[in-house]
Amino acid sequence: MSRSDMNIDTGGEQWDLPIVGFEVLEVWFSGEAYLIVYGNRADSALTEAPHARLSLGGSFSLVEPDGRRCSLDATGPWEALVPLLSLRHAAIESAITDRDGHLEVRFEPGFVLAVEPQPRYEAWGMSGPASLILACPPGGGDPRIST
């Protein structure tokens, strides 16, 4: 992955995030829920393995491979977020946001993380790979991008 691979084409209604193939290696809880994902260093022109941090700031859902839907809230008790630990070592198959600020991340072997915009705060954000920063604005709309 080169730095040019980390750009997002914002011309369409849906935007593909440049984290396909990345693997969840860390899960943090601290007022928000964080998934730290890493790409393959061998595929990178960077000096270190490409990585990104997905932050979840409120309610979201996780659909498990058996179809069971877990409604989760990053601001709730940590023990209620235990289903997120199932994503450890899961590879990202697709990561898409749209002009309304919805986020959907599909993982192998069949997990789906879905986040809807929240009226008063950023429902989700992504920092990385490299200097890319992306956030869903309060109330939804085009995610804000900084590179």
Protein backbone atom coordinates (compact mmCIF):
# COMPACT_ATOMS: atom_id res chain seq x y z
CA MET A 1 0.00 0.00 0.00
CA SER A 2 1.41 3.33 -0.99
CA ARG A 3 0.39 6.73 0.33
CA SER A 4 -1.63 7.30 -2.85
CA ASP A 5 -3.69 4.17 -2.01
CA MET A 6 -4.91 5.94 1.13
CA ASN A 7 -6.99 8.52 -0.72
CA ILE A 8 -10.77 8.23 -0.76
CA ASP A 9 -12.76 8.80 -3.93
CA THR A 10 -15.58 11.04 -2.71
CA GLY A 11 -17.25 11.41 -6.10
CA GLY A 12 -19.95 8.78 -5.56
CA GLU A 13 -22.72 8.18 -3.05
CA GLN A 14 -20.64 5.54 -1.22
CA TRP A 15 -17.00 5.80 -0.29
CA ASP A 16 -14.69 2.80 0.07
CA LEU A 17 -12.35 3.22 3.02
CA PRO A 18 -8.71 2.16 2.43
CA ILE A 19 -8.59 -0.51 5.12
CA VAL A 20 -9.70 -3.62 3.19
CA GLY A 21 -7.48 -6.54 4.18
CA PHE A 22 -6.49 -4.92 7.47
CA GLU A 23 -6.78 -7.11 10.57
CA VAL A 24 -8.17 -6.17 13.98
CA LEU A 25 -5.29 -6.58 16.42
CA GLU A 26 -6.44 -4.39 19.30
CA VAL A 27 -9.79 -3.52 20.88
CA TRP A 28 -9.92 -0.68 23.44
CA PHE A 29 -12.68 0.65 25.67
CA SER A 30 -12.28 4.14 27.09
CA GLY A 31 -15.40 6.30 26.88
CA GLU A 32 -15.52 5.21 23.25
CA ALA A 33 -14.83 1.83 21.68
CA TYR A 34 -11.77 1.58 19.45
CA LEU A 35 -10.75 -1.02 16.88
CA ILE A 36 -7.07 -0.80 15.94
CA VAL A 37 -6.50 -2.45 12.56
CA TYR A 38 -3.21 -3.23 10.83
CA GLY A 39 -2.35 -3.90 7.21
CA ASN A 40 0.47 -6.05 5.90
CA ARG A 41 3.85 -4.33 6.10
CA ALA A 42 5.09 -6.40 3.14
CA ASP A 43 2.43 -4.72 0.97
CA SER A 44 3.43 -1.26 2.14
CA ALA A 45 5.85 1.32 0.84
CA LEU A 46 5.77 2.82 4.34
CA THR A 47 8.48 2.15 6.93
CA GLU A 48 5.98 0.56 9.32
CA ALA A 49 2.87 -1.56 8.90
CA PRO A 50 -0.06 0.62 7.84
CA HIS A 51 -2.64 0.92 10.58
CA ALA A 52 -5.83 2.78 11.40
CA ARG A 53 -7.98 3.43 14.46
CA LEU A 54 -11.76 3.20 14.17
CA SER A 55 -13.53 4.97 17.02
CA LEU A 56 -17.16 4.36 17.90
CA GLY A 57 -18.73 7.09 20.00
CA GLY A 58 -22.21 5.84 20.81
CA SER A 59 -24.70 3.21 19.72
CA PHE A 60 -23.88 0.75 16.94
CA SER A 61 -24.66 -2.82 15.99
CA LEU A 62 -22.56 -5.91 15.44
CA VAL A 63 -24.08 -8.77 13.47
CA GLU A 64 -22.35 -12.05 14.24
CA PRO A 65 -21.69 -14.76 11.62
CA ASP A 66 -24.73 -16.75 12.86
CA GLY A 67 -26.97 -13.73 12.17
CA ARG A 68 -27.42 -12.66 15.78
CA ARG A 69 -27.53 -8.86 16.08
CA CYS A 70 -25.94 -7.22 19.12
CA SER A 71 -27.02 -3.64 19.83
CA LEU A 72 -24.09 -2.01 21.59
CA ASP A 73 -23.30 1.39 23.08
CA ALA A 74 -19.70 2.54 23.39
CA THR A 75 -20.62 4.86 26.26
CA GLY A 76 -22.20 2.03 28.28
CA PRO A 77 -20.65 -0.47 30.66
CA TRP A 78 -17.55 -2.15 29.26
CA GLU A 79 -18.85 -5.64 30.01
CA ALA A 80 -21.69 -4.97 27.54
CA LEU A 81 -19.07 -4.44 24.78
CA VAL A 82 -17.59 -7.94 25.09
CA PRO A 83 -18.99 -8.99 21.65
CA LEU A 84 -16.45 -6.62 20.05
CA LEU A 85 -13.65 -8.86 21.33
CA SER A 86 -14.84 -11.46 18.79
CA LEU A 87 -13.38 -9.23 16.07
CA ARG A 88 -9.80 -9.79 17.24
CA HIS A 89 -7.82 -11.14 14.27
CA ALA A 90 -10.80 -10.66 11.92
CA ALA A 91 -9.80 -9.29 8.50
CA ILE A 92 -11.79 -6.47 6.92
CA GLU A 93 -13.57 -7.52 3.71
CA SER A 94 -15.14 -4.12 3.01
CA ALA A 95 -15.49 -0.75 4.73
CA ILE A 96 -17.98 1.72 3.28
CA THR A 97 -19.44 5.03 4.34
CA ASP A 98 -21.99 7.14 2.49
CA ARG A 99 -22.98 10.77 2.13
CA ASP A 100 -25.35 10.43 5.10
CA GLY A 101 -22.54 9.29 7.43
CA HIS A 102 -23.55 5.63 7.76
CA LEU A 103 -20.65 3.23 8.24
CA GLU A 104 -20.62 -0.47 7.43
CA VAL A 105 -17.57 -2.66 7.96
CA ARG A 106 -17.68 -6.33 6.93
CA PHE A 107 -15.20 -8.76 8.42
CA GLU A 108 -14.15 -12.32 7.71
CA PRO A 109 -15.73 -14.70 8.73
CA GLY A 110 -19.06 -12.85 8.49
CA PHE A 111 -19.23 -10.13 11.15
CA VAL A 112 -20.86 -6.82 10.14
CA LEU A 113 -20.36 -3.61 12.13
CA ALA A 114 -22.92 -0.87 11.38
CA VAL A 115 -22.95 2.66 12.75
CA GLU A 116 -25.68 5.24 12.19
CA PRO A 117 -25.12 9.00 12.56
CA GLN A 118 -25.94 10.46 15.97
CA PRO A 119 -27.71 13.83 16.36
CA ARG A 120 -25.35 15.49 18.87
CA TYR A 121 -21.90 13.94 18.43
CA GLU A 122 -19.57 12.15 16.03
CA ALA A 123 -20.86 8.58 15.85
CA TRP A 124 -17.62 7.25 14.40
CA GLY A 125 -14.21 8.33 13.24
CA MET A 126 -11.16 6.86 11.57
CA SER A 127 -7.57 8.00 11.86
CA GLY A 128 -5.14 6.37 9.49
CA PRO A 129 -3.80 4.83 7.47
CA ALA A 130 -0.99 7.39 7.44
CA SER A 131 -2.36 10.93 7.88
CA LEU A 132 -5.95 10.22 6.80
CA ILE A 133 -8.59 11.41 9.27
CA LEU A 134 -12.28 10.85 8.63
CA ALA A 135 -15.27 11.56 10.91
CA CYS A 136 -19.04 11.40 10.74
CA PRO A 137 -20.33 14.86 11.70
CA PRO A 138 -23.08 15.20 14.33
CA GLY A 139 -26.43 14.66 12.64
CA GLY A 140 -24.86 12.85 9.66
CA GLY A 141 -24.00 14.18 6.24
CA ASP A 142 -20.77 13.94 4.26
CA PRO A 143 -18.04 12.58 6.53
CA ARG A 144 -15.31 15.14 7.13
CA ILE A 145 -11.94 14.26 5.62
CA SER A 146 -8.46 15.49 6.43
CA THR A 147 -5.27 14.12 4.91
